[in-house]
Amino acid sequence: MDLDLRKLRYFVAVAEHRHFGRAAQALFIAQPVLSRQIRAFEKELGCPLFTRTTRSVELTSAGKQLYDEASRITTVVDTALRRVHEAQRGEQRLVVAFSHGLHVSDAIRAFAVIHPEVDIDVFPLRWWERDAPLRDGRAHVGYLRRPFDDSGLRTVPIGHETKVACLPVTHPLAGRRALTSADLDGEAILDGRTRRISSLEEKFELIASGQGIALVPVSIAASYTRPGLVYLNVTDALPVETCLAVPERSCAGLTQDFLDVATATLRQRTATAPS
């Protein structure tokens, strides 16, 4: 079967509002029309997407799975349409994604000297996205930290970063000059595996309030200082590799030019940066 993108967008609206009336208002269509479209969509898929009662609308297990997939599908389509329209207008655009704390501005300036005709956008990555924007088309190039899934990507090593421990100032270890990994045994480490956190700001707020500690790259520590937190070197922590990444299928033309310029620029910047 062919996936009907209009019905998919209707489904997403109902899934987000959990209410057919509010979803219909957001879509600027009548509620009976929306209900018919959702029933037709469920019939096409061959499974129910919602459990309906007189008071609530909840996603079924199939609906939850489709909702997880839907944002990726609509993002890919929207990005493709944007690029089609840019090509029709004769525009050249490069989108550069970067992980929090990593600075790509030097590379962008160097590239702009060679290609002043190219519009460059930057895409700050949320901590859970990593390589996803390179795969769904939102970004052409990424300046990332490992680990991430590099299958189908061409990666170029840039450098390494040390990790530091982030602790609340009230922590018993906060007065130490440095730590080892053994010092952190038994500590509650805040990461994506132990607790779902929506942003770095939320993570650091939880640390400051005594909810746990975290190991973070030194560039993140340098870009986020605030009262209530202390950063300590962990002498035996393994360094984190930083690298540029591009999809193998699109590593040509402007993307390749940027990769070449960024590799030279960022490696030089990393080599001269203070520890």
Protein backbone atom coordinates (compact mmCIF):
# COMPACT_ATOMS: atom_id res chain seq x y z
CA MET A 1 0.00 0.00 0.00
CA ASP A 2 1.02 3.64 -0.50
CA LEU A 3 1.19 5.76 2.64
CA ASP A 4 -1.20 8.72 2.51
CA LEU A 5 0.79 11.63 3.95
CA ARG A 6 -2.32 13.75 4.50
CA LYS A 7 -3.91 11.05 6.62
CA LEU A 8 -0.58 10.57 8.44
CA ARG A 9 -0.55 14.25 9.40
CA TYR A 10 -4.16 13.94 10.58
CA PHE A 11 -3.14 10.94 12.70
CA VAL A 12 -0.26 12.89 14.26
CA ALA A 13 -2.59 15.74 15.20
CA VAL A 14 -5.01 13.40 16.98
CA ALA A 15 -2.12 11.57 18.67
CA GLU A 16 -0.70 14.83 20.00
CA HIS A 17 -4.00 16.38 21.12
CA ARG A 18 -5.56 13.08 22.31
CA HIS A 19 -8.85 14.63 21.25
CA PHE A 20 -10.60 14.66 17.86
CA GLY A 21 -12.26 18.03 18.39
CA ARG A 22 -9.05 19.87 19.35
CA ALA A 23 -7.12 18.13 16.58
CA ALA A 24 -9.76 19.15 14.03
CA GLN A 25 -9.52 22.77 15.18
CA ALA A 26 -5.74 22.70 14.83
CA LEU A 27 -6.08 21.27 11.31
CA PHE A 28 -8.87 23.70 10.35
CA ILE A 29 -11.21 20.91 9.29
CA ALA A 30 -14.54 19.64 10.62
CA GLN A 31 -14.42 16.96 13.30
CA PRO A 32 -16.63 14.46 11.36
CA VAL A 33 -14.26 14.78 8.38
CA LEU A 34 -11.25 14.07 10.61
CA SER A 35 -12.97 11.06 12.19
CA ARG A 36 -13.78 9.60 8.77
CA GLN A 37 -10.20 10.13 7.58
CA ILE A 38 -8.76 8.38 10.63
CA ARG A 39 -11.14 5.43 10.26
CA ALA A 40 -10.18 5.16 6.59
CA PHE A 41 -6.50 5.29 7.56
CA GLU A 42 -6.95 2.49 10.10
CA LYS A 43 -8.78 0.41 7.45
CA GLU A 44 -5.93 0.96 4.96
CA LEU A 45 -3.32 -0.06 7.54
CA GLY A 46 -5.38 -3.01 8.73
CA CYS A 47 -5.07 -2.17 12.45
CA PRO A 48 -6.63 0.19 15.00
CA LEU A 49 -4.50 3.21 15.92
CA PHE A 50 -6.64 4.60 18.75
CA THR A 51 -8.70 3.28 21.61
CA ARG A 52 -11.72 5.57 21.82
CA THR A 53 -14.01 6.17 24.77
CA THR A 54 -16.50 8.93 25.46
CA ARG A 55 -13.86 10.72 27.54
CA SER A 56 -10.50 9.96 26.02
CA VAL A 57 -8.53 8.93 22.95
CA GLU A 58 -5.47 6.76 23.56
CA LEU A 59 -2.93 5.25 21.20
CA THR A 60 -2.89 1.50 20.71
CA SER A 61 0.49 -0.26 20.60
CA ALA A 62 0.35 -0.01 16.78
CA GLY A 63 -0.53 3.67 17.10
CA LYS A 64 2.41 4.30 19.41
CA GLN A 65 4.77 2.69 16.92
CA LEU A 66 3.37 4.70 14.03
CA TYR A 67 3.64 7.92 16.04
CA ASP A 68 7.33 7.19 16.70
CA GLU A 69 7.87 6.68 12.97
CA ALA A 70 5.66 9.54 11.79
CA SER A 71 7.93 12.41 12.84
CA ARG A 72 10.82 10.90 10.90
CA ILE A 73 8.65 10.32 7.82
CA THR A 74 7.19 13.84 7.75
CA THR A 75 10.60 15.39 8.44
CA VAL A 76 12.15 13.59 5.46
CA VAL A 77 9.27 14.65 3.20
CA ASP A 78 9.30 18.28 4.37
CA THR A 79 13.07 18.50 3.95
CA ALA A 80 12.91 17.02 0.46
CA LEU A 81 10.21 19.48 -0.60
CA ARG A 82 12.21 22.40 0.79
CA ARG A 83 15.27 21.34 -1.21
CA VAL A 84 13.17 20.95 -4.37
CA HIS A 85 11.90 24.51 -3.99
CA GLU A 86 15.41 25.81 -3.28
CA ALA A 87 16.68 24.11 -6.44
CA GLN A 88 13.85 25.64 -8.46
CA ARG A 89 14.81 29.10 -7.15
CA GLY A 90 18.48 28.45 -7.90
CA GLU A 91 19.49 28.62 -4.23
CA GLN A 92 22.47 26.75 -2.82
CA ARG A 93 22.24 25.91 0.86
CA LEU A 94 24.38 23.87 3.24
CA VAL A 95 23.16 22.85 6.70
CA VAL A 96 25.83 22.07 9.28
CA ALA A 97 24.80 20.21 12.44
CA PHE A 98 26.93 20.32 15.58
CA SER A 99 26.90 18.73 19.00
CA HIS A 100 26.58 20.95 22.06
CA GLY A 101 29.93 22.50 23.00
CA LEU A 102 31.58 21.88 19.64
CA HIS A 103 32.28 25.05 17.64
CA VAL A 104 32.13 24.95 13.87
CA SER A 105 32.16 28.70 13.15
CA ASP A 106 35.82 28.80 12.07
CA ALA A 107 35.13 26.19 9.41
CA ILE A 108 32.03 28.03 8.19
CA ARG A 109 33.97 31.29 7.85
CA ALA A 110 36.75 29.55 5.91
CA PHE A 111 34.23 27.87 3.61
CA ALA A 112 32.33 31.13 3.02
CA VAL A 113 35.50 32.74 1.67
CA ILE A 114 35.67 30.06 -1.05
CA HIS A 115 31.90 29.79 -1.66
CA PRO A 116 30.30 33.16 -0.85
CA GLU A 117 27.29 32.22 -2.99
CA VAL A 118 26.23 29.40 -0.64
CA ASP A 119 23.80 30.07 2.21
CA ILE A 120 24.90 28.23 5.35
CA ASP A 121 22.55 27.26 8.19
CA VAL A 122 23.62 25.76 11.50
CA PHE A 123 21.66 23.03 13.26
CA PRO A 124 22.33 22.59 17.00
CA LEU A 125 21.83 18.93 17.85
CA ARG A 126 19.79 17.87 20.82
CA TRP A 127 21.69 15.34 22.87
CA TRP A 128 19.53 12.37 21.83
CA GLU A 129 19.65 13.04 18.07
CA ARG A 130 23.33 12.46 17.28
CA ASP A 131 23.40 11.23 13.66
CA ALA A 132 19.64 11.35 12.98
CA PRO A 133 19.56 14.73 11.12
CA LEU A 134 22.18 13.41 8.67
CA ARG A 135 19.96 10.45 7.88
CA ASP A 136 16.62 12.24 7.54
CA GLY A 137 18.04 15.10 5.46
CA ARG A 138 17.83 17.97 7.93
CA ALA A 139 21.63 18.43 7.79
CA HIS A 140 24.30 17.85 5.16
CA VAL A 141 27.31 17.69 7.48
CA GLY A 142 27.68 16.98 11.20
CA TYR A 143 30.38 17.84 13.71
CA LEU A 144 29.77 15.10 16.27
CA ARG A 145 31.11 13.21 19.24
CA ARG A 146 31.19 9.47 19.35
CA PRO A 147 29.46 7.18 20.04
CA PHE A 148 26.91 7.28 17.22
CA ASP A 149 25.81 4.92 14.45
CA ASP A 150 28.26 5.54 11.61
CA SER A 151 26.81 2.98 9.18
CA GLY A 152 26.25 4.65 5.82
CA LEU A 153 28.26 7.69 6.90
CA ARG A 154 31.71 8.85 5.92
CA THR A 155 33.50 10.01 9.07
CA VAL A 156 36.69 12.05 9.41
CA PRO A 157 38.41 12.15 12.83
CA ILE A 158 39.10 15.65 14.15
CA GLY A 159 40.36 15.26 17.70
CA HIS A 160 39.64 14.04 21.20
CA GLU A 161 38.06 15.56 24.29
CA THR A 162 38.56 14.62 27.90
CA LYS A 163 35.59 14.08 30.19
CA VAL A 164 35.05 15.75 33.53
CA ALA A 165 32.72 14.90 36.39
CA CYS A 166 29.93 17.36 37.06
CA LEU A 167 28.83 17.37 40.71
CA PRO A 168 26.72 19.60 42.96
CA VAL A 169 28.84 21.83 45.19
CA THR A 170 27.30 20.07 48.20
CA HIS A 171 28.64 16.67 47.12
CA PRO A 172 31.22 15.07 49.49
CA LEU A 173 33.68 14.81 46.58
CA ALA A 174 33.26 18.41 45.43
CA GLY A 175 36.27 19.63 47.39
CA ARG A 176 38.70 17.23 45.73
CA ARG A 177 41.24 18.46 43.16
CA ALA A 178 40.66 15.48 40.84
CA LEU A 179 38.90 12.12 40.79
CA THR A 180 39.33 8.62 39.43
CA SER A 181 36.61 6.37 38.06
CA ALA A 182 36.79 4.31 41.25
CA ASP A 183 35.79 7.42 43.26
CA LEU A 184 32.50 7.46 41.34
CA ASP A 185 31.53 3.85 42.02
CA GLY A 186 28.02 3.70 43.40
CA GLU A 187 27.14 7.23 42.31
CA ALA A 188 23.87 7.88 40.47
CA ILE A 189 25.00 8.76 36.93
CA LEU A 190 22.49 10.80 34.95
CA ASP A 191 22.42 9.72 31.31
CA GLY A 192 19.89 8.60 28.73
CA ARG A 193 19.96 5.02 29.98
CA THR A 194 19.10 5.78 33.58
CA ARG A 195 16.70 8.70 33.21
CA ARG A 196 14.98 10.38 30.27
CA ILE A 197 16.21 13.97 30.16
CA SER A 198 14.99 16.42 27.54
CA SER A 199 17.88 18.89 27.58
CA LEU A 200 21.30 19.64 29.03
CA GLU A 201 19.76 22.44 31.05
CA GLU A 202 17.46 19.92 32.71
CA LYS A 203 20.38 17.57 33.36
CA PHE A 204 22.48 20.26 35.03
CA GLU A 205 19.51 21.47 37.07
CA LEU A 206 18.98 17.94 38.36
CA ILE A 207 22.67 17.67 39.26
CA ALA A 208 22.65 20.99 41.09
CA SER A 209 19.63 19.81 43.10
CA GLY A 210 21.44 16.64 44.18
CA GLN A 211 19.68 14.14 41.93
CA GLY A 212 22.91 12.62 40.60
CA ILE A 213 26.16 13.41 38.78
CA ALA A 214 27.31 13.23 35.16
CA LEU A 215 30.44 12.74 33.08
CA VAL A 216 30.51 15.38 30.34
CA PRO A 217 33.01 16.44 27.66
CA VAL A 218 35.15 19.36 28.75
CA SER A 219 33.76 21.63 25.99
CA ILE A 220 30.25 21.24 27.43
CA ALA A 221 31.56 22.05 30.88
CA ALA A 222 33.24 25.18 29.49
CA SER A 223 30.04 26.34 27.81
CA TYR A 224 27.78 25.75 30.81
CA THR A 225 28.98 27.24 34.06
CA ARG A 226 26.62 28.19 36.85
CA PRO A 227 26.50 28.44 40.65
CA GLY A 228 25.80 25.15 42.36
CA LEU A 229 27.98 23.01 40.09
CA VAL A 230 31.61 21.97 40.15
CA TYR A 231 33.62 20.20 37.43
CA LEU A 232 36.49 17.88 38.33
CA ASN A 233 38.98 16.06 36.14
CA VAL A 234 38.62 12.27 36.09
CA THR A 235 42.22 11.21 35.58
CA ASP A 236 41.53 7.77 34.08
CA ALA A 237 38.43 8.63 32.00
CA LEU A 238 38.72 7.62 28.36
CA PRO A 239 38.72 10.54 25.89
CA VAL A 240 35.84 11.10 23.48
CA GLU A 241 36.56 11.27 19.75
CA THR A 242 35.18 14.19 17.75
CA CYS A 243 34.66 13.86 14.01
CA LEU A 244 32.96 15.22 10.94
CA ALA A 245 30.32 13.02 9.35
CA VAL A 246 28.43 13.13 6.06
CA PRO A 247 26.11 10.60 4.38
CA GLU A 248 28.12 8.50 1.92
CA ARG A 249 25.47 8.98 -0.75
CA SER A 250 25.89 12.78 -0.73
CA CYS A 251 29.62 13.17 -0.14
CA ALA A 252 30.29 15.22 -3.28
CA GLY A 253 30.15 18.78 -4.58
CA LEU A 254 29.63 21.45 -1.93
CA THR A 255 29.43 18.86 0.83
CA GLN A 256 32.85 17.48 -0.09
CA ASP A 257 34.27 21.01 -0.36
CA PHE A 258 33.00 21.83 3.12
CA LEU A 259 34.36 18.56 4.48
CA ASP A 260 37.82 19.35 3.13
CA VAL A 261 37.84 22.91 4.50
CA ALA A 262 36.34 21.92 7.85
CA THR A 263 38.79 19.04 8.34
CA ALA A 264 41.82 21.30 7.94
CA THR A 265 40.33 24.18 9.93
CA LEU A 266 38.98 22.18 12.87
CA ARG A 267 42.05 19.97 13.19
CA GLN A 268 44.23 23.09 13.40
CA ARG A 269 41.86 24.65 15.95
CA THR A 270 41.84 21.47 18.02
CA ALA A 271 45.64 21.22 17.94
CA THR A 272 46.09 24.80 19.21
CA ALA A 273 43.24 24.79 21.75
CA PRO A 274 44.24 24.77 25.44
CA SER A 275 43.54 21.57 27.39
